[in-house]
N, C-alpha and C. Protein backbone atom coordinates (compact mmCIF):
# COMPACT_ATOMS: atom_id res chain seq x y z
N MET A 1 27.50 -79.34 25.00
CA MET A 1 28.56 -78.40 26.00
C MET A 1 27.33 -77.56 26.64
N THR A 2 27.74 -77.54 27.98
CA THR A 2 27.15 -77.07 28.97
C THR A 2 27.86 -75.64 29.25
N LEU A 3 27.71 -74.37 29.52
CA LEU A 3 27.98 -73.35 29.64
C LEU A 3 27.94 -72.98 30.86
N THR A 4 29.38 -72.90 31.89
CA THR A 4 29.20 -72.48 32.82
C THR A 4 29.03 -71.24 33.12
N SER A 5 28.96 -70.84 34.33
CA SER A 5 29.03 -69.29 34.76
C SER A 5 30.39 -68.59 34.76
N GLU A 6 31.14 -69.63 34.78
CA GLU A 6 32.29 -68.53 34.40
C GLU A 6 32.53 -68.08 33.05
N ASP A 7 32.02 -69.29 32.13
CA ASP A 7 32.11 -69.68 30.92
C ASP A 7 31.11 -67.79 30.28
N LEU A 8 30.15 -68.18 30.83
CA LEU A 8 28.77 -67.18 30.49
C LEU A 8 29.26 -66.07 31.22
N LEU A 9 30.42 -65.58 32.62
CA LEU A 9 30.80 -64.50 32.78
C LEU A 9 31.62 -64.03 31.67
N ALA A 10 32.37 -65.21 31.03
CA ALA A 10 33.68 -64.67 29.99
C ALA A 10 33.16 -64.15 29.03
N ILE A 11 32.03 -64.86 28.20
CA ILE A 11 31.32 -64.21 26.70
C ILE A 11 30.55 -63.04 27.16
N SER A 12 30.45 -63.10 28.69
CA SER A 12 29.80 -61.52 28.79
C SER A 12 30.57 -60.61 28.46
N ASP A 13 31.98 -60.79 29.08
CA ASP A 13 33.39 -59.52 29.46
C ASP A 13 33.47 -59.51 27.92
N LEU A 14 33.56 -60.53 27.30
CA LEU A 14 33.66 -60.60 26.06
C LEU A 14 32.82 -59.85 25.18
N LEU A 15 31.85 -60.02 25.17
CA LEU A 15 31.00 -58.99 24.38
C LEU A 15 31.01 -57.37 24.88
N ASP A 16 30.79 -57.64 26.57
CA ASP A 16 30.88 -56.58 26.92
C ASP A 16 32.35 -55.21 26.12
N VAL A 17 33.35 -56.24 26.24
CA VAL A 17 34.28 -55.35 25.60
C VAL A 17 33.97 -55.06 24.15
N LYS A 18 33.53 -55.85 23.48
CA LYS A 18 33.33 -56.12 22.05
C LYS A 18 32.19 -54.95 21.72
N LEU A 19 31.50 -54.46 22.69
CA LEU A 19 30.55 -53.47 22.44
C LEU A 19 31.26 -52.69 22.71
N ARG A 20 31.80 -52.40 23.90
CA ARG A 20 32.30 -51.17 24.16
C ARG A 20 33.05 -50.38 23.11
N THR A 21 33.89 -51.29 22.64
CA THR A 21 34.79 -51.41 21.22
C THR A 21 34.31 -50.88 19.84
N GLU A 22 33.34 -51.14 19.74
CA GLU A 22 32.32 -51.12 18.87
C GLU A 22 31.27 -49.76 18.98
N LEU A 23 31.09 -49.40 20.44
CA LEU A 23 29.91 -48.54 20.61
C LEU A 23 31.10 -47.55 20.62
N GLN A 24 32.04 -47.36 21.09
CA GLN A 24 33.01 -46.08 21.13
C GLN A 24 33.18 -45.26 19.94
N PRO A 25 33.54 -45.75 18.58
CA PRO A 25 33.31 -44.79 17.44
C PRO A 25 31.72 -44.59 17.26
N LEU A 26 30.63 -45.32 17.51
CA LEU A 26 29.34 -44.69 17.50
C LEU A 26 29.28 -43.96 18.20
N LYS A 27 29.45 -43.94 19.39
CA LYS A 27 29.48 -42.81 20.64
C LYS A 27 30.15 -41.36 20.13
N GLU A 28 31.62 -41.67 19.52
CA GLU A 28 31.83 -40.44 18.83
C GLU A 28 31.29 -39.65 17.81
N ASP A 29 30.68 -40.53 16.91
CA ASP A 29 30.14 -40.13 15.71
C ASP A 29 28.67 -39.84 16.18
N VAL A 30 28.18 -40.01 17.41
CA VAL A 30 27.23 -39.66 18.12
C VAL A 30 27.30 -38.05 18.37
N SER A 31 28.30 -38.17 19.00
CA SER A 31 28.97 -37.00 20.02
C SER A 31 29.20 -36.01 18.71
N LEU A 32 29.94 -36.58 18.03
CA LEU A 32 30.22 -35.18 16.55
C LEU A 32 28.84 -35.04 16.01
N LEU A 33 27.87 -35.71 15.64
CA LEU A 33 26.40 -34.96 15.24
C LEU A 33 26.00 -34.55 15.72
N LYS A 34 25.64 -34.34 17.44
CA LYS A 34 25.81 -33.88 18.55
C LYS A 34 26.17 -31.80 18.14
N ASP A 35 27.12 -31.89 18.00
CA ASP A 35 28.22 -30.66 17.87
C ASP A 35 27.67 -30.41 16.30
N LYS A 36 27.45 -31.37 15.30
CA LYS A 36 27.20 -30.44 14.00
C LYS A 36 25.84 -30.30 13.95
N VAL A 37 24.63 -30.80 15.15
CA VAL A 37 23.41 -30.65 14.99
C VAL A 37 23.38 -28.99 15.45
N ASN A 38 24.35 -28.88 16.52
CA ASN A 38 24.70 -27.51 17.15
C ASN A 38 24.72 -26.74 16.43
N VAL A 39 25.80 -27.17 15.91
CA VAL A 39 26.79 -25.74 14.96
C VAL A 39 25.33 -25.44 13.94
N LEU A 40 24.43 -26.68 13.03
CA LEU A 40 23.50 -26.61 12.10
C LEU A 40 22.19 -25.48 12.97
N THR A 41 21.94 -25.90 14.03
CA THR A 41 21.27 -25.39 14.86
C THR A 41 21.40 -23.40 14.29
N ASP A 42 22.67 -23.59 15.25
CA ASP A 42 23.23 -22.07 15.66
C ASP A 42 23.09 -21.28 14.10
N ASP A 43 23.33 -22.58 12.70
CA ASP A 43 23.39 -21.56 11.85
C ASP A 43 22.24 -21.37 11.11
N VAL A 44 21.11 -22.47 11.52
CA VAL A 44 19.69 -22.16 11.17
C VAL A 44 19.38 -20.66 12.08
N SER A 45 19.16 -20.64 13.20
CA SER A 45 18.68 -19.33 13.89
C SER A 45 19.28 -18.41 13.54
N LEU A 46 20.98 -18.07 13.07
CA LEU A 46 21.86 -17.14 12.02
C LEU A 46 20.71 -16.61 10.64
N LEU A 47 20.79 -17.71 9.91
CA LEU A 47 19.95 -17.62 8.64
C LEU A 47 18.38 -17.33 9.04
N LYS A 48 17.91 -17.66 10.11
CA LYS A 48 16.61 -16.88 10.42
C LYS A 48 16.70 -15.57 10.67
N GLU A 49 17.57 -15.09 11.54
CA GLU A 49 17.74 -14.00 11.82
C GLU A 49 18.41 -12.99 10.47
N ASP A 50 19.19 -13.46 9.84
CA ASP A 50 19.43 -12.54 8.76
C ASP A 50 18.51 -12.80 7.28
N THR A 51 17.40 -13.59 7.75
CA THR A 51 16.39 -13.49 6.68
C THR A 51 15.37 -12.20 7.11
N GLY A 52 15.42 -12.66 8.57
CA GLY A 52 14.42 -11.09 9.11
C GLY A 52 15.11 -9.79 8.91
N ILE A 53 16.17 -9.67 8.69
CA ILE A 53 17.36 -8.78 8.03
C ILE A 53 17.30 -8.78 6.46
N LEU A 54 16.97 -9.94 5.74
CA LEU A 54 16.60 -9.52 4.57
C LEU A 54 15.49 -9.03 4.35
N LYS A 55 14.79 -9.80 4.74
CA LYS A 55 12.90 -9.44 4.97
C LYS A 55 13.07 -7.59 5.01
N ASP A 56 13.65 -7.07 5.64
CA ASP A 56 13.46 -5.92 6.43
C ASP A 56 13.96 -5.17 5.22
N ASP A 57 15.16 -5.63 4.74
CA ASP A 57 16.02 -4.71 3.69
C ASP A 57 15.09 -4.65 2.45
N VAL A 58 14.31 -5.56 2.06
CA VAL A 58 13.66 -5.93 0.97
C VAL A 58 12.34 -5.15 0.94
N SER A 59 12.02 -5.02 2.22
CA SER A 59 11.03 -4.32 2.88
C SER A 59 11.55 -2.86 2.13
N LEU A 60 12.48 -2.35 2.64
CA LEU A 60 13.18 -1.07 2.63
C LEU A 60 13.27 -0.88 1.05
N LEU A 61 13.56 -1.79 0.37
CA LEU A 61 14.43 -1.37 -1.29
C LEU A 61 12.91 -1.30 -1.73
N LYS A 62 11.98 -2.13 -1.48
CA LYS A 62 10.75 -2.04 -2.37
C LYS A 62 10.06 -0.48 -2.37
N ASP A 63 10.12 0.07 -0.78
CA ASP A 63 9.99 1.39 -0.46
C ASP A 63 10.43 2.17 -1.92
N LYS A 64 11.73 2.27 -1.48
CA LYS A 64 12.69 2.76 -2.37
C LYS A 64 12.36 3.01 -3.62
N VAL A 65 12.06 1.53 -4.41
CA VAL A 65 11.57 1.14 -5.85
C VAL A 65 10.32 2.22 -5.90
N ASN A 66 9.25 1.93 -5.18
CA ASN A 66 8.33 2.84 -5.07
C ASN A 66 9.12 4.48 -5.29
N VAL A 67 9.49 4.79 -4.70
CA VAL A 67 9.73 6.14 -4.31
C VAL A 67 10.90 6.69 -6.12
N LEU A 68 11.50 5.59 -6.50
CA LEU A 68 11.99 5.77 -7.91
C LEU A 68 11.88 6.09 -8.78
N THR A 69 10.29 4.80 -9.21
CA THR A 69 9.48 4.43 -10.05
C THR A 69 8.31 6.21 -9.89
N ASP A 70 8.17 6.39 -8.92
CA ASP A 70 7.30 8.39 -8.65
C ASP A 70 8.59 9.31 -9.15
N ASP A 71 9.57 9.17 -9.21
CA ASP A 71 10.26 10.43 -9.60
C ASP A 71 10.94 9.86 -10.86
N VAL A 72 10.74 8.75 -11.38
CA VAL A 72 10.97 8.55 -12.64
C VAL A 72 9.74 9.15 -13.65
N SER A 73 8.53 9.06 -13.03
CA SER A 73 7.28 9.26 -13.31
C SER A 73 7.46 10.59 -13.85
N SER A 74 7.50 11.47 -12.66
CA SER A 74 8.05 12.84 -12.82
C SER A 74 8.65 13.53 -13.42
N LEU A 75 9.77 12.71 -13.70
CA LEU A 75 10.98 13.11 -14.92
C LEU A 75 10.39 12.96 -15.92
N LYS A 76 9.70 11.68 -16.28
CA LYS A 76 9.07 11.89 -17.28
C LYS A 76 8.10 12.71 -17.79
N GLU A 77 7.38 13.13 -16.67
CA GLU A 77 6.45 13.97 -17.30
C GLU A 77 6.93 15.39 -17.51
N ASP A 78 8.57 15.89 -16.72
CA ASP A 78 9.19 17.18 -16.41
C ASP A 78 9.61 16.94 -18.37
N THR A 79 10.12 15.55 -18.54
CA THR A 79 10.62 15.68 -19.92
C THR A 79 9.82 16.27 -20.55
N GLY A 80 8.68 15.60 -20.81
CA GLY A 80 7.46 16.12 -21.52
C GLY A 80 7.47 17.33 -21.85
N ILE A 81 7.51 18.02 -20.47
CA ILE A 81 7.07 19.64 -20.66
C ILE A 81 8.78 20.55 -21.36
N LEU A 82 9.77 19.78 -20.78
CA LEU A 82 10.56 20.59 -21.51
C LEU A 82 10.88 20.26 -22.93
N LYS A 83 10.57 19.63 -23.35
CA LYS A 83 10.13 19.13 -25.17
C LYS A 83 9.36 19.91 -25.42
N ASP A 84 8.15 20.45 -24.96
CA ASP A 84 7.22 20.96 -25.45
C ASP A 84 7.67 22.33 -25.35
N ASP A 85 8.68 22.93 -24.31
CA ASP A 85 9.29 24.02 -24.28
C ASP A 85 10.44 24.39 -25.14
N VAL A 86 11.24 23.46 -25.46
CA VAL A 86 12.25 22.91 -26.47
C VAL A 86 11.65 23.56 -27.88
N SER A 87 10.32 23.08 -28.08
CA SER A 87 10.10 22.91 -29.85
C SER A 87 9.22 24.31 -29.42
N LEU A 88 8.68 25.00 -28.80
CA LEU A 88 8.48 26.47 -28.75
C LEU A 88 9.76 27.27 -28.85
N LEU A 89 10.61 26.82 -28.28
CA LEU A 89 11.96 27.93 -27.95
C LEU A 89 11.93 28.12 -29.45
N LYS A 90 11.89 26.53 -30.20
CA LYS A 90 12.73 26.82 -31.67
C LYS A 90 12.47 27.56 -32.22
N ASP A 91 10.62 27.49 -32.36
CA ASP A 91 9.70 27.94 -33.23
C ASP A 91 9.81 29.58 -32.74
N LYS A 92 10.10 29.75 -31.51
CA LYS A 92 10.19 31.00 -31.44
C LYS A 92 12.13 31.70 -32.03
N VAL A 93 12.89 31.24 -32.01
CA VAL A 93 14.49 30.88 -32.80
C VAL A 93 14.02 31.23 -34.08
N ASN A 94 13.43 30.36 -34.86
CA ASN A 94 13.16 30.64 -36.36
C ASN A 94 12.48 32.10 -36.68
N VAL A 95 11.15 32.56 -35.33
CA VAL A 95 10.63 33.58 -36.14
C VAL A 95 11.86 34.81 -35.86
N LEU A 96 12.45 34.45 -34.65
CA LEU A 96 13.61 36.02 -34.21
C LEU A 96 14.36 35.72 -35.86
N THR A 97 14.84 34.30 -36.19
CA THR A 97 15.86 34.41 -37.35
C THR A 97 15.32 35.16 -38.71
N ASP A 98 14.16 35.03 -38.79
CA ASP A 98 13.68 35.38 -40.09
C ASP A 98 13.23 37.06 -39.65
N ASP A 99 12.95 37.41 -38.56
CA ASP A 99 13.04 39.20 -38.31
C ASP A 99 14.72 39.43 -38.43
N VAL A 100 15.41 38.89 -37.53
CA VAL A 100 16.95 39.08 -38.25
C VAL A 100 16.90 39.53 -39.52
N SER A 101 16.39 38.45 -40.71
CA SER A 101 16.85 38.71 -41.70
C SER A 101 16.40 39.75 -42.49
N SER A 102 14.85 40.01 -41.92
CA SER A 102 14.20 41.52 -42.04
C SER A 102 15.08 42.38 -41.88
N LEU A 103 15.72 42.72 -40.81
CA LEU A 103 16.23 43.69 -40.01
C LEU A 103 17.42 44.06 -40.98
N LYS A 104 18.24 42.87 -41.08
CA LYS A 104 19.29 43.22 -42.41
C LYS A 104 18.67 43.50 -43.25
N GLU A 105 17.79 43.28 -44.05
CA GLU A 105 17.50 43.36 -45.44
C GLU A 105 17.22 45.03 -45.18
N ASP A 106 16.41 45.55 -44.57
CA ASP A 106 16.32 46.95 -43.91
C ASP A 106 17.35 47.40 -43.52
N THR A 107 18.43 47.18 -42.60
CA THR A 107 19.78 47.85 -42.49
C THR A 107 20.45 48.25 -44.22
N GLY A 108 20.36 46.50 -45.03
CA GLY A 108 20.81 47.74 -46.45
C GLY A 108 20.43 48.86 -47.22
N ILE A 109 18.96 48.73 -46.95
CA ILE A 109 18.11 49.90 -47.46
C ILE A 109 18.52 51.73 -46.78
N LEU A 110 18.43 51.31 -45.35
CA LEU A 110 19.04 52.27 -44.47
C LEU A 110 20.41 53.03 -45.32
N LYS A 111 21.17 51.89 -44.97
CA LYS A 111 22.99 52.21 -45.63
C LYS A 111 22.56 52.92 -47.23
N ASP A 112 21.96 52.06 -47.86
CA ASP A 112 21.97 52.70 -48.99
C ASP A 112 20.81 54.63 -49.09
N ASP A 113 19.92 54.32 -48.08
CA ASP A 113 19.10 55.65 -48.00
C ASP A 113 20.12 56.86 -47.22
N ILE A 114 21.18 56.22 -46.21
CA ILE A 114 22.31 57.05 -45.81
C ILE A 114 22.98 58.01 -47.23
N SER A 115 23.46 56.69 -47.59
CA SER A 115 24.59 57.12 -48.51
C SER A 115 23.91 58.19 -49.80
N SER A 116 22.56 58.13 -49.93
CA SER A 116 21.84 58.93 -50.20
C SER A 116 22.34 60.12 -50.03
N LEU A 117 21.73 60.21 -48.68
CA LEU A 117 21.44 61.27 -47.53
C LEU A 117 22.54 62.20 -47.83
N LYS A 118 23.71 61.10 -47.80
CA LYS A 118 25.37 61.91 -47.18
C LYS A 118 25.40 62.23 -48.86
N ASN A 119 25.27 62.07 -49.96
CA ASN A 119 25.62 62.67 -51.35
C ASN A 119 24.68 64.04 -51.73
N ASN A 120 23.16 63.66 -50.81
CA ASN A 120 22.50 65.05 -50.95
C ASN A 120 22.80 65.98 -49.61
N VAL A 121 23.27 65.70 -49.17
CA VAL A 121 24.06 66.53 -47.79
C VAL A 121 25.26 67.12 -48.67
N ASN A 122 25.81 66.67 -49.16
CA ASN A 122 27.38 67.52 -49.79
C ASN A 122 26.50 67.95 -50.58
N VAL A 123 26.14 67.49 -51.44
CA VAL A 123 25.17 68.84 -52.89
C VAL A 123 24.95 69.93 -52.27
N LEU A 124 23.65 69.78 -50.83
CA LEU A 124 23.48 71.18 -50.05
C LEU A 124 24.55 71.79 -49.69
N THR A 125 25.58 71.10 -49.09
CA THR A 125 26.69 71.49 -48.72
C THR A 125 27.21 72.57 -49.62
N ASP A 126 27.65 72.16 -51.14
CA ASP A 126 27.86 73.05 -52.18
C ASP A 126 26.62 74.08 -52.35
N ASP A 127 25.42 73.87 -52.46
CA ASP A 127 24.77 74.67 -52.92
C ASP A 127 24.98 76.08 -51.56
N VAL A 128 24.80 75.48 -50.27
CA VAL A 128 25.03 76.51 -49.37
C VAL A 128 26.07 77.27 -49.78
N GLY A 129 27.37 76.46 -49.64
CA GLY A 129 28.32 77.40 -50.15
C GLY A 129 28.24 78.41 -51.44
N ASP A 130 27.78 78.19 -52.31
CA ASP A 130 26.97 78.90 -53.32
C ASP A 130 26.29 80.47 -53.03
N LEU A 131 25.69 79.65 -52.41
CA LEU A 131 24.21 80.92 -51.63
C LEU A 131 25.21 81.90 -51.29
N LYS A 132 26.16 81.11 -50.69
CA LYS A 132 27.01 82.12 -49.39
C LYS A 132 27.77 83.71 -50.12
N ASN A 133 28.08 82.52 -51.53
CA ASN A 133 29.36 83.24 -52.37
C ASN A 133 28.39 84.46 -52.82
N ASN A 134 26.89 83.89 -53.41
CA ASN A 134 26.31 85.10 -54.01
C ASN A 134 25.85 85.84 -53.30
N VAL A 135 25.12 85.58 -51.75
CA VAL A 135 25.12 86.52 -50.94
C VAL A 135 25.75 87.59 -50.73
N ARG A 136 26.94 87.01 -50.58
CA ARG A 136 28.17 87.93 -50.11
C ARG A 136 28.52 89.11 -51.54
N ASN A 137 28.58 88.12 -52.84
CA ASN A 137 28.52 88.72 -54.13
C ASN A 137 27.23 90.30 -54.15
N LEU A 138 25.97 89.70 -53.75
CA LEU A 138 24.78 90.61 -54.24
C LEU A 138 25.02 91.62 -52.81
N ASN A 139 25.55 91.34 -51.43
CA ASN A 139 25.58 92.52 -50.45
C ASN A 139 26.61 93.62 -51.00
N LEU A 140 28.13 92.73 -51.61
CA LEU A 140 28.77 93.63 -52.21
C LEU A 140 28.57 94.53 -53.18
N ASP A 141 27.90 93.48 -54.10
CA ASP A 141 26.87 94.70 -55.19
C ASP A 141 26.18 95.94 -54.86
N ILE A 142 25.45 95.58 -53.69
CA ILE A 142 23.97 96.29 -53.34
C ILE A 142 25.06 97.83 -52.52
N GLU A 143 25.79 96.95 -51.87
CA GLU A 143 26.32 98.40 -51.03
C GLU A 143 27.11 99.00 -52.14
N ASN A 144 27.89 98.50 -53.07
CA ASN A 144 28.59 99.51 -54.04
C ASN A 144 27.89 100.37 -55.01
N ASP A 145 27.04 99.46 -55.34
CA ASP A 145 26.00 100.26 -56.51
C ASP A 145 25.13 101.37 -55.97
N ILE A 146 24.41 100.96 -54.96
CA ILE A 146 24.24 101.70 -53.68
C ILE A 146 24.52 103.47 -53.52
N LYS A 147 26.01 103.32 -53.15
CA LYS A 147 26.68 104.49 -52.71
C LYS A 147 26.97 105.08 -53.87
N ARG A 148 27.15 104.17 -54.98
CA ARG A 148 27.75 105.37 -56.10
C ARG A 148 26.65 106.24 -57.10
N ASN A 149 25.38 104.98 -56.96
CA ASN A 149 24.17 105.06 -57.92
C ASN A 149 23.13 105.96 -57.05
N ILE A 150 23.57 106.56 -55.65
CA ILE A 150 22.23 107.00 -55.60
C ILE A 150 21.64 108.02 -55.44
N GLN A 151 22.01 108.88 -56.52
CA GLN A 151 21.14 109.53 -57.75
C GLN A 151 20.19 108.98 -58.30
N LEU A 152 20.81 107.87 -59.07
CA LEU A 152 19.87 107.15 -59.82
C LEU A 152 18.64 106.38 -59.31
N LEU A 153 18.82 106.12 -57.65
CA LEU A 153 17.74 105.38 -56.96
C LEU A 153 17.11 106.62 -56.69
N ALA A 154 17.14 107.63 -57.01
CA ALA A 154 16.60 108.68 -56.03
C ALA A 154 15.31 108.95 -57.51
N GLU A 155 16.06 108.81 -58.58
CA GLU A 155 15.13 109.41 -59.86
C GLU A 155 14.02 108.48 -60.19
N ASN A 156 14.74 107.34 -59.99
CA ASN A 156 14.01 105.56 -60.33
C ASN A 156 13.44 105.03 -59.34
N TYR A 157 12.99 105.56 -58.08
CA TYR A 157 13.19 105.44 -56.94
C TYR A 157 11.73 104.29 -56.84
N VAL A 158 10.61 104.56 -57.33
CA VAL A 158 9.66 103.13 -57.22
C VAL A 158 9.89 101.97 -58.30
N PRO A 159 10.60 102.19 -59.26
CA PRO A 159 10.91 100.72 -59.79
C PRO A 159 11.85 100.13 -59.30
N ALA A 160 12.80 100.62 -58.52
CA ALA A 160 13.94 100.53 -57.93
C ALA A 160 13.83 99.50 -56.92
N ALA A 161 12.83 100.44 -56.08
CA ALA A 161 12.80 100.15 -54.36
C ALA A 161 11.35 98.86 -54.86
N LYS A 162 10.55 98.31 -56.04
CA LYS A 162 10.20 96.86 -56.16
C LYS A 162 11.38 96.33 -56.50
N ARG A 163 12.25 96.55 -57.21
CA ARG A 163 13.55 95.44 -57.41
C ARG A 163 14.11 95.15 -56.12
N TYR A 164 13.93 96.55 -55.19
CA TYR A 164 14.93 95.64 -53.81
C TYR A 164 13.97 95.39 -52.88
N GLU A 165 12.72 95.30 -53.22
CA GLU A 165 12.05 94.57 -51.97
C GLU A 165 11.84 92.91 -52.87
N GLN A 166 11.91 92.82 -54.09
CA GLN A 166 11.72 91.72 -54.47
C GLN A 166 12.88 90.75 -53.78
N THR A 167 14.47 91.04 -54.22
CA THR A 167 15.59 91.06 -53.81
C THR A 167 15.58 90.47 -51.97
N ALA A 168 15.29 91.76 -51.55
CA ALA A 168 15.24 91.60 -49.99
C ALA A 168 14.06 90.12 -49.59
N LEU A 169 12.92 90.16 -50.55
CA LEU A 169 12.42 88.92 -50.03
C LEU A 169 12.95 87.58 -50.63
N ARG A 170 13.59 87.53 -51.30
CA ARG A 170 14.35 86.85 -51.84
C ARG A 170 15.34 86.04 -50.97
N ILE A 171 16.12 87.25 -50.44
CA ILE A 171 17.73 87.03 -49.53
C ILE A 171 16.38 86.34 -48.15
N GLU A 172 15.78 86.90 -48.11
CA GLU A 172 15.05 86.24 -46.29
C GLU A 172 14.67 84.88 -46.59
N ALA A 173 14.39 84.77 -47.66
CA ALA A 173 13.83 83.05 -48.50
C ALA A 173 14.97 82.47 -48.30
N MET A 174 16.23 82.98 -48.71
CA MET A 174 17.06 81.78 -48.81
C MET A 174 17.26 81.74 -47.38
N GLU A 175 17.54 82.69 -46.46
CA GLU A 175 18.20 82.97 -45.44
C GLU A 175 17.35 81.83 -44.11
N MET A 176 15.78 81.75 -44.86
CA MET A 176 15.54 80.62 -43.89
C MET A 176 15.28 79.50 -44.35
N ASP A 177 15.88 79.36 -46.20
CA ASP A 177 16.40 77.66 -46.63
C ASP A 177 17.23 77.72 -45.95
N ILE A 178 18.12 78.52 -46.00
CA ILE A 178 20.17 78.02 -45.35
C ILE A 178 19.52 77.62 -43.51
N ASP A 179 18.84 78.73 -42.96
CA ASP A 179 18.67 77.75 -41.75
C ASP A 179 17.98 76.67 -41.49
N ILE A 180 16.82 76.42 -42.39
CA ILE A 180 16.40 74.85 -42.62
C ILE A 180 16.90 73.83 -42.97
N MET A 181 18.27 74.03 -44.04
CA MET A 181 19.33 73.34 -44.35
C MET A 181 19.96 73.08 -43.53
N LYS A 182 20.31 74.22 -42.53
CA LYS A 182 21.65 73.75 -41.35
C LYS A 182 21.28 72.68 -40.42
N LYS A 183 19.87 73.07 -40.00
CA LYS A 183 19.03 71.89 -38.99
C LYS A 183 19.00 70.85 -39.51
N VAL A 184 18.19 70.76 -40.52
CA VAL A 184 18.30 69.22 -41.30
C VAL A 184 19.73 68.52 -41.35
N ILE A 185 21.27 69.36 -41.67
CA ILE A 185 22.46 68.94 -42.07
C ILE A 185 22.74 68.44 -40.56
N SER A 186 22.60 69.11 -39.30
CA SER A 186 23.24 69.12 -38.20
C SER A 186 21.99 67.76 -37.54
N ASP A 187 20.72 67.45 -37.94
CA ASP A 187 20.05 66.36 -37.78
C ASP A 187 20.44 65.49 -38.56
N HIS A 188 20.82 65.38 -39.52
CA HIS A 188 21.63 63.83 -40.28
C HIS A 188 23.10 63.65 -39.69
N SER A 189 23.87 64.90 -39.59
CA SER A 189 25.02 64.63 -38.73
C SER A 189 25.19 63.71 -37.93
N GLN A 190 23.92 64.07 -36.74
CA GLN A 190 23.77 63.23 -35.41
C GLN A 190 23.55 62.03 -35.70
N ARG A 191 22.64 61.91 -36.91
CA ARG A 191 21.60 60.58 -36.83
C ARG A 191 22.91 59.39 -37.73
N LEU A 192 23.58 60.36 -38.29
CA LEU A 192 24.85 59.13 -39.19
C LEU A 192 25.49 58.33 -38.32
N PRO A 193 26.37 58.95 -37.38
CA PRO A 193 27.43 57.68 -36.95
C PRO A 193 25.90 57.08 -36.03
N VAL A 194 25.17 57.49 -35.80
CA VAL A 194 24.22 56.12 -34.75
C VAL A 194 24.26 55.18 -35.80
N LEU A 195 23.79 55.48 -37.16
CA LEU A 195 23.90 54.21 -37.95
C LEU A 195 24.36 53.90 -38.90
N ALA A 196 25.66 54.44 -38.50
CA ALA A 196 26.64 53.84 -39.23
C ALA A 196 27.54 52.57 -38.49
């Protein structure tokens, strides 16, 4: 069978239609692929930009990590120094604790001494009272006896004068002792409230 040009033309039209029909989905697929490639190209471009930004961020983070590493190293040194300082302070606190214990013992001894001094002051106060009474009695005796017995003194002047001198010396000594005791008692009276 021989194909005529009409047959060939019909076959050609058929092939054209078939090709167009079959190529249409391919064209659409190619168009879609082009769109996807364009989107992917944009995505790759964005990813490149993001990667550049991330590189910059990583570089900044590395710098910050280096600074933080230096800070941590410095803090470790400072912590070591603080530990040494705390150890020294603990030693000093222990010494101070011992000193306070010693001071407490000394305070107890001082309290005992103050109590003893109070007792001595009370005894001295009683003695001063007795001495005052004795001095008053002596003054009364001297005054009364001298006036009444002026004649006897004139007759026995030398022995009586010697006795009088001795008594006067004792009275002066007692007065000096009383003055000293007053000063000591006054000084102790001022110190006792401070110590108590």
